[in-house]
Amino acid sequence: MYNFAHAAMAAEFEIHCTHPDEAYARQAARFAFGAVDRLERQLSRFAENSDISRINHLAAGESTRVGYETMQCLQLARLVWAETGGAFDVSIGTGFERLELMAGEFVVRAHADGVRLDLGAIGKGYAVDRVAEALEEWEVTEALIHAGRSSVLALEPPSGRDGWPLTLSMPGGGRGTGTGSGAGSGAVFARMAARQRALGASGIQKGDHILDPRDRTPVQSREAAWVSAPRQVLAGIGRQAGVEGSAAAVADGLSTAFMISPAGEIDKYCQRHPGLEAWILQQGELRHFVAP
């Protein structure tokens, strides 16, 4: 068993994997982390000439070309925005609907001034998906990848195991989710042996960074939200937007949306997507949503 770590996107990305050749596994991890760094340069709103920075400086009628990965993230964000009635909004209420995505041309056109994007709620999960894709290309298939323990993707488990051990715990010790022995100090409310499964988590234990796009105020009524499903279920949702292999990104977007969505809407969403599970923690009460 090997562990490799890399700091990017304001998070610690980790790969836990098995392979008979440590040097080969390390090289594969280095290649995968390179993909994360490339994505950060495209998606960070803080990087001066990133795709997102250029979009954020568009005036009405202006357009800019973006990279393939940026367009994929924007298409996913638009899909989750539509499916959750705007609860997930990477523009945080500044007018995501006023951006035209010309996917075939990799062009984004603004139809109003002042649209500001932050892909932090979906970009990290998308990066986890690309790490998994890179590892699979290198035939490192027994692996668990996570970014800051809030974006998790389990591939095949080590030989002889049913799955990678994951725990979901009440916010404590600064974390709302945990993997294996690295779980937070809060009470554990769910355990799973994860195989080809993604998990996304959102919460306010690290500060008021989740804003309600309807009034742009910090979300305070819910402490945390978690979403988990088989990789193929979440990837199937992303495929509706023409995006392949992005289970972790979809889980991240949904967990953020479920910090805001009414409980009834969360239940309906899970009913429409068998295999999808969600948990919300609100005023100390935990609710679990899953199709029967």
Protein backbone atom coordinates (compact mmCIF):
# COMPACT_ATOMS: atom_id res chain seq x y z
CA MET A 1 0.00 0.00 0.00
CA TYR A 2 1.38 3.38 -1.02
CA ASN A 3 0.22 6.90 -0.14
CA PHE A 4 1.04 9.94 -2.26
CA ALA A 5 0.04 13.52 -1.46
CA HIS A 6 0.01 16.81 -3.35
CA ALA A 7 -1.20 20.29 -2.36
CA ALA A 8 -3.39 22.03 -4.95
CA MET A 9 -6.69 23.91 -5.20
CA ALA A 10 -6.44 24.89 -1.53
CA ALA A 11 -6.65 21.21 -0.57
CA GLU A 12 -4.48 18.18 0.04
CA PHE A 13 -4.96 15.62 -2.72
CA GLU A 14 -4.10 12.08 -1.69
CA ILE A 15 -3.80 8.80 -3.54
CA HIS A 16 -3.91 5.53 -1.61
CA CYS A 17 -3.07 2.67 -3.92
CA THR A 18 -1.58 -0.79 -4.24
CA HIS A 19 0.88 -1.87 -6.91
CA PRO A 20 3.75 -4.36 -7.07
CA ASP A 21 6.21 -1.62 -8.15
CA GLU A 22 6.51 1.41 -5.86
CA ALA A 23 8.57 3.42 -8.36
CA TYR A 24 5.96 2.85 -11.06
CA ALA A 25 3.11 3.80 -8.71
CA ARG A 26 4.95 6.98 -7.70
CA GLN A 27 5.46 7.91 -11.33
CA ALA A 28 1.78 7.34 -12.05
CA ALA A 29 0.82 9.54 -9.08
CA ARG A 30 3.17 12.27 -10.27
CA PHE A 31 1.55 12.16 -13.70
CA ALA A 32 -1.93 12.32 -12.14
CA PHE A 33 -1.03 15.25 -9.90
CA GLY A 34 0.31 17.06 -12.96
CA ALA A 35 -3.21 16.96 -14.36
CA VAL A 36 -4.47 18.62 -11.16
CA ASP A 37 -1.93 21.45 -11.47
CA ARG A 38 -2.89 22.02 -15.09
CA LEU A 39 -6.55 22.21 -14.11
CA GLU A 40 -5.84 24.68 -11.33
CA ARG A 41 -4.16 27.00 -13.81
CA GLN A 42 -7.30 26.91 -15.96
CA LEU A 43 -9.99 27.02 -13.28
CA SER A 44 -8.66 29.25 -10.52
CA ARG A 45 -10.37 32.62 -10.32
CA PHE A 46 -7.25 33.90 -8.57
CA ALA A 47 -4.87 33.14 -11.44
CA GLU A 48 -4.54 36.26 -13.58
CA ASN A 49 -4.96 34.69 -17.02
CA SER A 50 -6.96 31.58 -16.17
CA ASP A 51 -10.05 30.73 -18.20
CA ILE A 52 -12.27 31.64 -15.25
CA SER A 53 -10.52 34.98 -14.67
CA ARG A 54 -11.05 35.91 -18.31
CA ILE A 55 -14.73 34.97 -18.10
CA ASN A 56 -15.08 37.05 -14.94
CA HIS A 57 -13.78 40.11 -16.78
CA LEU A 58 -16.16 39.84 -19.74
CA ALA A 59 -18.47 42.74 -20.43
CA ALA A 60 -21.85 42.26 -22.13
CA GLY A 61 -21.34 41.10 -25.71
CA GLU A 62 -17.76 39.94 -25.18
CA SER A 63 -16.54 36.38 -25.43
CA THR A 64 -13.45 34.31 -24.70
CA ARG A 65 -12.09 30.93 -25.69
CA VAL A 66 -11.58 28.38 -22.94
CA GLY A 67 -9.95 24.97 -22.64
CA TYR A 68 -11.67 21.63 -23.00
CA GLU A 69 -11.65 20.90 -19.25
CA THR A 70 -13.03 24.34 -18.39
CA MET A 71 -15.92 23.87 -20.80
CA GLN A 72 -16.60 20.43 -19.36
CA CYS A 73 -16.80 21.91 -15.83
CA LEU A 74 -19.09 24.70 -17.04
CA GLN A 75 -21.39 22.21 -18.76
CA LEU A 76 -21.56 20.14 -15.58
CA ALA A 77 -22.22 23.25 -13.51
CA ARG A 78 -25.00 24.31 -15.87
CA LEU A 79 -26.61 20.85 -15.63
CA VAL A 80 -26.55 20.71 -11.81
CA TRP A 81 -27.76 24.34 -11.69
CA ALA A 82 -30.76 23.40 -13.84
CA GLU A 83 -31.49 20.10 -12.05
CA THR A 84 -31.45 21.71 -8.60
CA GLY A 85 -33.51 24.76 -9.50
CA GLY A 86 -30.52 27.07 -9.12
CA ALA A 87 -29.51 25.85 -5.65
CA PHE A 88 -26.11 25.04 -7.11
CA ASP A 89 -24.85 28.20 -8.76
CA VAL A 90 -21.16 28.76 -9.54
CA SER A 91 -21.97 32.43 -10.17
CA ILE A 92 -23.45 32.79 -6.66
CA GLY A 93 -26.43 34.71 -7.98
CA THR A 94 -24.55 37.02 -10.38
CA GLY A 95 -26.20 35.57 -13.48
CA PHE A 96 -24.92 32.17 -14.60
CA GLU A 97 -27.85 32.00 -17.02
CA ARG A 98 -26.50 35.10 -18.76
CA LEU A 99 -23.43 33.23 -19.96
CA GLU A 100 -23.75 31.43 -23.29
CA LEU A 101 -21.72 28.23 -23.49
CA MET A 102 -20.73 27.41 -27.08
CA ALA A 103 -19.36 23.99 -26.26
CA GLY A 104 -18.41 22.96 -29.79
CA GLU A 105 -16.30 26.09 -30.22
CA PHE A 106 -14.99 26.23 -26.62
CA VAL A 107 -16.26 29.79 -26.37
CA VAL A 108 -18.09 31.54 -23.53
CA ARG A 109 -20.08 34.69 -24.35
CA ALA A 110 -21.46 37.11 -21.74
CA HIS A 111 -24.87 38.65 -22.28
CA ALA A 112 -24.57 40.95 -19.26
CA ASP A 113 -21.89 42.66 -17.20
CA GLY A 114 -20.81 41.49 -13.79
CA VAL A 115 -21.11 37.69 -14.01
CA ARG A 116 -18.56 36.21 -11.61
CA LEU A 117 -17.75 32.49 -11.45
CA ASP A 118 -16.11 30.39 -8.76
CA LEU A 119 -15.74 26.72 -9.70
CA GLY A 120 -14.45 25.71 -6.28
CA ALA A 121 -17.61 23.70 -5.58
CA ILE A 122 -17.15 21.46 -8.61
CA GLY A 123 -13.58 21.91 -9.85
CA LYS A 124 -12.01 19.92 -7.04
CA GLY A 125 -14.25 16.93 -7.71
CA TYR A 126 -13.51 17.21 -11.42
CA ALA A 127 -9.80 17.11 -10.60
CA VAL A 128 -10.32 13.96 -8.51
CA ASP A 129 -12.02 12.39 -11.54
CA ARG A 130 -9.04 13.26 -13.73
CA VAL A 131 -6.64 11.75 -11.18
CA ALA A 132 -8.66 8.53 -11.31
CA GLU A 133 -8.63 8.60 -15.10
CA ALA A 134 -4.85 9.05 -15.15
CA LEU A 135 -4.27 6.20 -12.69
CA GLU A 136 -6.47 3.90 -14.72
CA GLU A 137 -4.52 4.80 -17.85
CA TRP A 138 -1.39 3.70 -15.98
CA GLU A 139 -3.20 0.53 -14.87
CA VAL A 140 -3.05 1.53 -11.21
CA THR A 141 -6.60 0.38 -10.62
CA GLU A 142 -6.65 -0.42 -6.89
CA ALA A 143 -6.86 3.12 -5.57
CA LEU A 144 -8.72 5.62 -3.41
CA ILE A 145 -8.41 9.31 -4.25
CA HIS A 146 -9.57 12.26 -2.19
CA ALA A 147 -9.13 16.02 -2.09
CA GLY A 148 -9.38 17.50 1.38
CA ARG A 149 -11.51 14.50 2.42
CA SER A 150 -14.57 16.23 0.97
CA SER A 151 -14.22 14.88 -2.59
CA VAL A 152 -13.65 11.14 -2.61
CA LEU A 153 -13.54 8.53 -5.37
CA ALA A 154 -12.95 4.85 -4.70
CA LEU A 155 -11.75 2.67 -7.57
CA GLU A 156 -11.12 -1.04 -7.09
CA PRO A 157 -10.22 -2.08 -3.53
CA PRO A 158 -7.05 -3.96 -2.58
CA SER A 159 -7.12 -7.65 -3.35
CA GLY A 160 -9.17 -9.63 -0.82
CA ARG A 161 -11.22 -6.64 0.39
CA ASP A 162 -14.84 -5.81 -0.35
CA GLY A 163 -14.10 -2.11 -0.64
CA TRP A 164 -12.21 0.89 0.69
CA PRO A 165 -13.41 1.73 4.23
CA LEU A 166 -15.11 5.13 4.34
CA THR A 167 -16.79 6.76 7.30
CA LEU A 168 -19.16 9.71 7.42
CA SER A 169 -19.06 11.54 10.71
CA MET A 170 -20.64 14.52 12.40
CA PRO A 171 -18.57 17.67 11.91
CA GLY A 172 -15.74 17.54 14.40
CA GLY A 173 -12.04 18.04 14.35
CA GLY A 174 -12.50 20.42 11.43
CA ARG A 175 -13.79 17.74 9.03
CA GLY A 176 -17.19 16.48 8.03
CA THR A 177 -16.10 13.31 6.26
CA GLY A 178 -13.32 10.86 6.85
CA THR A 179 -11.62 8.02 5.06
CA GLY A 180 -10.39 5.03 7.04
CA SER A 181 -8.37 5.88 10.12
CA GLY A 182 -8.27 9.55 9.10
CA ALA A 183 -11.89 10.21 10.06
CA GLY A 184 -12.92 13.32 11.93
CA SER A 185 -13.47 13.23 15.68
CA GLY A 186 -17.28 13.52 15.44
CA ALA A 187 -19.64 10.61 15.95
CA VAL A 188 -19.72 8.24 12.97
CA PHE A 189 -23.18 7.87 11.43
CA ALA A 190 -22.39 5.84 8.32
CA ARG A 191 -19.76 3.35 7.25
CA MET A 192 -19.33 1.91 3.80
CA ALA A 193 -16.99 -0.37 1.93
CA ALA A 194 -16.61 1.71 -1.22
CA ARG A 195 -15.89 0.21 -4.61
CA GLN A 196 -16.32 2.25 -7.78
CA ARG A 197 -18.12 4.86 -5.68
CA ALA A 198 -17.90 8.63 -5.22
CA LEU A 199 -18.63 10.75 -2.17
CA GLY A 200 -19.05 14.52 -1.93
CA ALA A 201 -19.34 16.57 1.26
CA SER A 202 -20.09 20.21 2.03
CA GLY A 203 -20.34 22.01 5.33
CA ILE A 204 -19.87 25.22 7.25
CA GLN A 205 -17.47 23.96 9.92
CA LYS A 206 -14.59 25.75 8.16
CA GLY A 207 -16.41 29.08 7.86
CA ASP A 208 -19.17 30.90 5.99
CA HIS A 209 -17.90 30.00 2.51
CA ILE A 210 -21.15 28.54 1.13
CA LEU A 211 -23.49 31.29 -0.05
CA ASP A 212 -27.18 31.02 -0.91
CA PRO A 213 -27.36 32.26 -4.54
CA ARG A 214 -30.84 33.68 -3.94
CA ASP A 215 -29.64 36.42 -1.60
CA ARG A 216 -25.85 35.82 -1.48
CA THR A 217 -25.86 35.36 2.28
CA PRO A 218 -23.92 32.62 4.09
CA VAL A 219 -25.78 29.34 4.59
CA GLN A 220 -26.31 28.83 8.31
CA SER A 221 -29.42 26.66 8.64
CA ARG A 222 -27.54 23.44 7.76
CA GLU A 223 -24.27 22.29 9.19
CA ALA A 224 -23.35 19.76 6.50
CA ALA A 225 -24.54 17.72 3.51
CA TRP A 226 -23.17 14.52 2.00
CA VAL A 227 -23.89 12.77 -1.31
CA SER A 228 -22.73 9.30 -2.33
CA ALA A 229 -23.54 6.92 -5.17
CA PRO A 230 -21.96 4.31 -7.40
CA ARG A 231 -19.59 5.87 -9.88
CA GLN A 232 -21.76 4.86 -12.83
CA VAL A 233 -24.87 6.54 -11.36
CA LEU A 234 -23.15 9.90 -10.88
CA ALA A 235 -21.30 9.64 -14.18
CA GLY A 236 -24.66 8.98 -15.85
CA ILE A 237 -25.98 12.28 -14.49
CA GLY A 238 -22.95 14.10 -15.89
CA ARG A 239 -23.42 12.38 -19.23
CA GLN A 240 -26.66 14.34 -19.66
CA ALA A 241 -24.43 17.39 -20.15
CA GLY A 242 -22.17 15.56 -22.58
CA VAL A 243 -19.47 15.08 -19.95
CA GLU A 244 -17.94 11.66 -19.42
CA GLY A 245 -16.31 10.21 -16.31
CA SER A 246 -17.09 12.95 -13.79
CA ALA A 247 -18.72 11.18 -10.85
CA ALA A 248 -16.82 13.05 -8.12
CA ALA A 249 -17.58 16.42 -9.74
CA VAL A 250 -21.32 15.67 -9.78
CA ALA A 251 -21.21 14.49 -6.15
CA ASP A 252 -19.49 17.73 -5.16
CA GLY A 253 -22.02 19.88 -6.98
CA LEU A 254 -24.97 18.03 -5.47
CA SER A 255 -23.61 18.15 -1.91
CA THR A 256 -23.26 21.93 -2.26
CA ALA A 257 -26.78 22.23 -3.67
CA PHE A 258 -28.18 20.10 -0.86
CA MET A 259 -26.87 22.59 1.69
CA ILE A 260 -29.61 24.86 0.29
CA SER A 261 -32.32 22.74 -1.38
CA PRO A 262 -35.55 22.05 0.57
CA ALA A 263 -35.65 18.54 2.04
CA GLY A 264 -38.55 17.61 -0.21
CA GLU A 265 -36.54 18.50 -3.32
CA ILE A 266 -33.59 16.43 -2.11
CA ASP A 267 -35.89 13.46 -1.60
CA LYS A 268 -37.36 13.86 -5.09
CA TYR A 269 -33.91 14.06 -6.63
CA CYS A 270 -32.80 10.85 -4.94
CA GLN A 271 -36.01 9.13 -6.08
CA ARG A 272 -35.21 10.10 -9.68
CA HIS A 273 -31.71 8.64 -9.44
CA PRO A 274 -31.79 5.17 -7.80
CA GLY A 275 -28.52 4.44 -6.04
CA LEU A 276 -27.99 8.05 -4.99
CA GLU A 277 -27.92 8.70 -1.24
CA ALA A 278 -27.89 12.02 0.59
CA TRP A 279 -27.59 13.08 4.22
CA ILE A 280 -28.21 16.55 5.64
CA LEU A 281 -27.43 17.79 9.11
CA GLN A 282 -29.77 20.59 10.14
CA GLN A 283 -29.96 22.05 13.63
CA GLY A 284 -28.39 18.89 15.02
CA GLU A 285 -30.86 16.55 13.28
CA LEU A 286 -29.55 14.13 10.67
CA ARG A 287 -31.80 13.13 7.74
CA HIS A 288 -31.05 10.40 5.22
CA PHE A 289 -32.53 10.32 1.70
CA VAL A 290 -32.39 7.28 -0.57
CA ALA A 291 -34.67 5.61 -3.09
CA PRO A 292 -36.34 2.46 -1.70
